[in-house]
Amino acid sequence: MKNEVPEAGFLRQSRLIPYLLPFSTATLWLMVRAGTFPAPVRLSAGVTAWRVEDVRAWMQFPTPEGAA
């Protein structure tokens, strides 16, 4: 199922939005820049993804947009 979070590994943006995160791509990147959402990892020149562990931790204790 698309809205399930795997135990480990990486999640691409297309798996995060809209399946796991209730906001837009623009909001996701604003939150990354503000430090209120985990930063992604560059896996290769054209591939960026988030560590599942980081996303799971954020989902347990989400930081609202704009909070630092």
C-alpha atoms as a PDB file:
ATOM      1  CA  MET A   1       0.000   0.000   0.000  1.00  0.00           C
ATOM      2  CA  LYS A   2       1.312   3.455  -0.871  1.00  0.00           C
ATOM      3  CA  ASN A   3       0.662   5.067   2.523  1.00  0.00           C
ATOM      4  CA  GLU A   4       2.682   2.519   4.506  1.00  0.00           C
ATOM      5  CA  VAL A   5       6.104   3.567   5.778  1.00  0.00           C
ATOM      6  CA  PRO A   6       8.767   0.886   5.327  1.00  0.00           C
ATOM      7  CA  GLU A   7      10.879  -0.188   8.306  1.00  0.00           C
ATOM      8  CA  ALA A   8      14.115   1.198   6.862  1.00  0.00           C
ATOM      9  CA  GLY A   9      15.522   2.730   3.732  1.00  0.00           C
ATOM     10  CA  PHE A  10      14.656   5.896   1.876  1.00  0.00           C
ATOM     11  CA  LEU A  11      11.481   7.628   0.728  1.00  0.00           C
ATOM     12  CA  ARG A  12      11.280   9.766  -2.388  1.00  0.00           C
ATOM     13  CA  GLN A  13       9.163  12.912  -2.424  1.00  0.00           C
ATOM     14  CA  SER A  14       6.508  11.151  -4.512  1.00  0.00           C
ATOM     15  CA  ARG A  15       5.987   8.666  -1.629  1.00  0.00           C
ATOM     16  CA  LEU A  16       5.788  11.430   0.976  1.00  0.00           C
ATOM     17  CA  ILE A  17       3.268  13.715  -0.738  1.00  0.00           C
ATOM     18  CA  PRO A  18       0.305  13.179  -0.734  1.00  0.00           C
ATOM     19  CA  TYR A  19       0.426   9.716   0.869  1.00  0.00           C
ATOM     20  CA  LEU A  20       2.139  10.508   4.180  1.00  0.00           C
ATOM     21  CA  LEU A  21       2.278  14.290   4.484  1.00  0.00           C
ATOM     22  CA  PRO A  22      -0.809  16.525   4.465  1.00  0.00           C
ATOM     23  CA  PHE A  23       0.842  19.478   2.723  1.00  0.00           C
ATOM     24  CA  SER A  24       2.212  20.589  -0.626  1.00  0.00           C
ATOM     25  CA  THR A  25       5.646  20.144  -2.154  1.00  0.00           C
ATOM     26  CA  ALA A  26       6.313  23.866  -1.697  1.00  0.00           C
ATOM     27  CA  THR A  27       5.502  23.606   2.019  1.00  0.00           C
ATOM     28  CA  LEU A  28       7.747  20.550   2.360  1.00  0.00           C
ATOM     29  CA  TRP A  29      10.737  22.443   0.955  1.00  0.00           C
ATOM     30  CA  LEU A  30       9.948  25.535   3.050  1.00  0.00           C
ATOM     31  CA  MET A  31       9.973  23.326   6.134  1.00  0.00           C
ATOM     32  CA  VAL A  32      13.266  21.688   5.108  1.00  0.00           C
ATOM     33  CA  ARG A  33      14.852  25.141   4.672  1.00  0.00           C
ATOM     34  CA  ALA A  34      13.425  26.294   8.023  1.00  0.00           C
ATOM     35  CA  GLY A  35      14.787  23.190   9.748  1.00  0.00           C
ATOM     36  CA  THR A  36      11.336  22.000  10.826  1.00  0.00           C
ATOM     37  CA  PHE A  37      11.401  18.888   8.620  1.00  0.00           C
ATOM     38  CA  PRO A  38      14.374  16.554   8.140  1.00  0.00           C
ATOM     39  CA  ALA A  39      16.698  17.353   5.260  1.00  0.00           C
ATOM     40  CA  PRO A  40      16.848  14.860   2.409  1.00  0.00           C
ATOM     41  CA  VAL A  41      19.911  12.901   1.378  1.00  0.00           C
ATOM     42  CA  ARG A  42      21.332  13.093  -2.146  1.00  0.00           C
ATOM     43  CA  LEU A  43      21.655   9.487  -3.310  1.00  0.00           C
ATOM     44  CA  SER A  44      22.964  10.365  -6.778  1.00  0.00           C
ATOM     45  CA  ALA A  45      23.081  13.312  -9.181  1.00  0.00           C
ATOM     46  CA  GLY A  46      19.354  13.129  -9.877  1.00  0.00           C
ATOM     47  CA  VAL A  47      17.993  11.315  -6.821  1.00  0.00           C
ATOM     48  CA  THR A  48      17.118  12.912  -3.497  1.00  0.00           C
ATOM     49  CA  ALA A  49      15.295  11.011  -0.744  1.00  0.00           C
ATOM     50  CA  TRP A  50      14.551  11.117   2.969  1.00  0.00           C
ATOM     51  CA  ARG A  51      15.729   8.528   5.482  1.00  0.00           C
ATOM     52  CA  VAL A  52      12.756   6.540   6.743  1.00  0.00           C
ATOM     53  CA  GLU A  53      14.075   6.844  10.299  1.00  0.00           C
ATOM     54  CA  ASP A  54      14.093  10.663  10.064  1.00  0.00           C
ATOM     55  CA  VAL A  55      10.547  10.781   8.663  1.00  0.00           C
ATOM     56  CA  ARG A  56       9.272   8.357  11.319  1.00  0.00           C
ATOM     57  CA  ALA A  57      10.826  10.485  14.088  1.00  0.00           C
ATOM     58  CA  TRP A  58       9.258  13.648  12.653  1.00  0.00           C
ATOM     59  CA  MET A  59       5.864  11.937  12.381  1.00  0.00           C
ATOM     60  CA  GLN A  60       5.990  11.094  16.106  1.00  0.00           C
ATOM     61  CA  PHE A  61       6.796  14.687  17.072  1.00  0.00           C
ATOM     62  CA  PRO A  62       6.016  16.960  14.110  1.00  0.00           C
ATOM     63  CA  THR A  63       7.426  20.465  14.194  1.00  0.00           C
ATOM     64  CA  PRO A  64       4.961  23.033  12.880  1.00  0.00           C
ATOM     65  CA  GLU A  65       6.009  25.126   9.888  1.00  0.00           C
ATOM     66  CA  GLY A  66       7.939  28.192  10.892  1.00  0.00           C
ATOM     67  CA  ALA A  67       8.911  26.938  14.353  1.00  0.00           C
ATOM     68  CA  ALA A  68      12.606  26.715  15.038  1.00  0.00           C
END
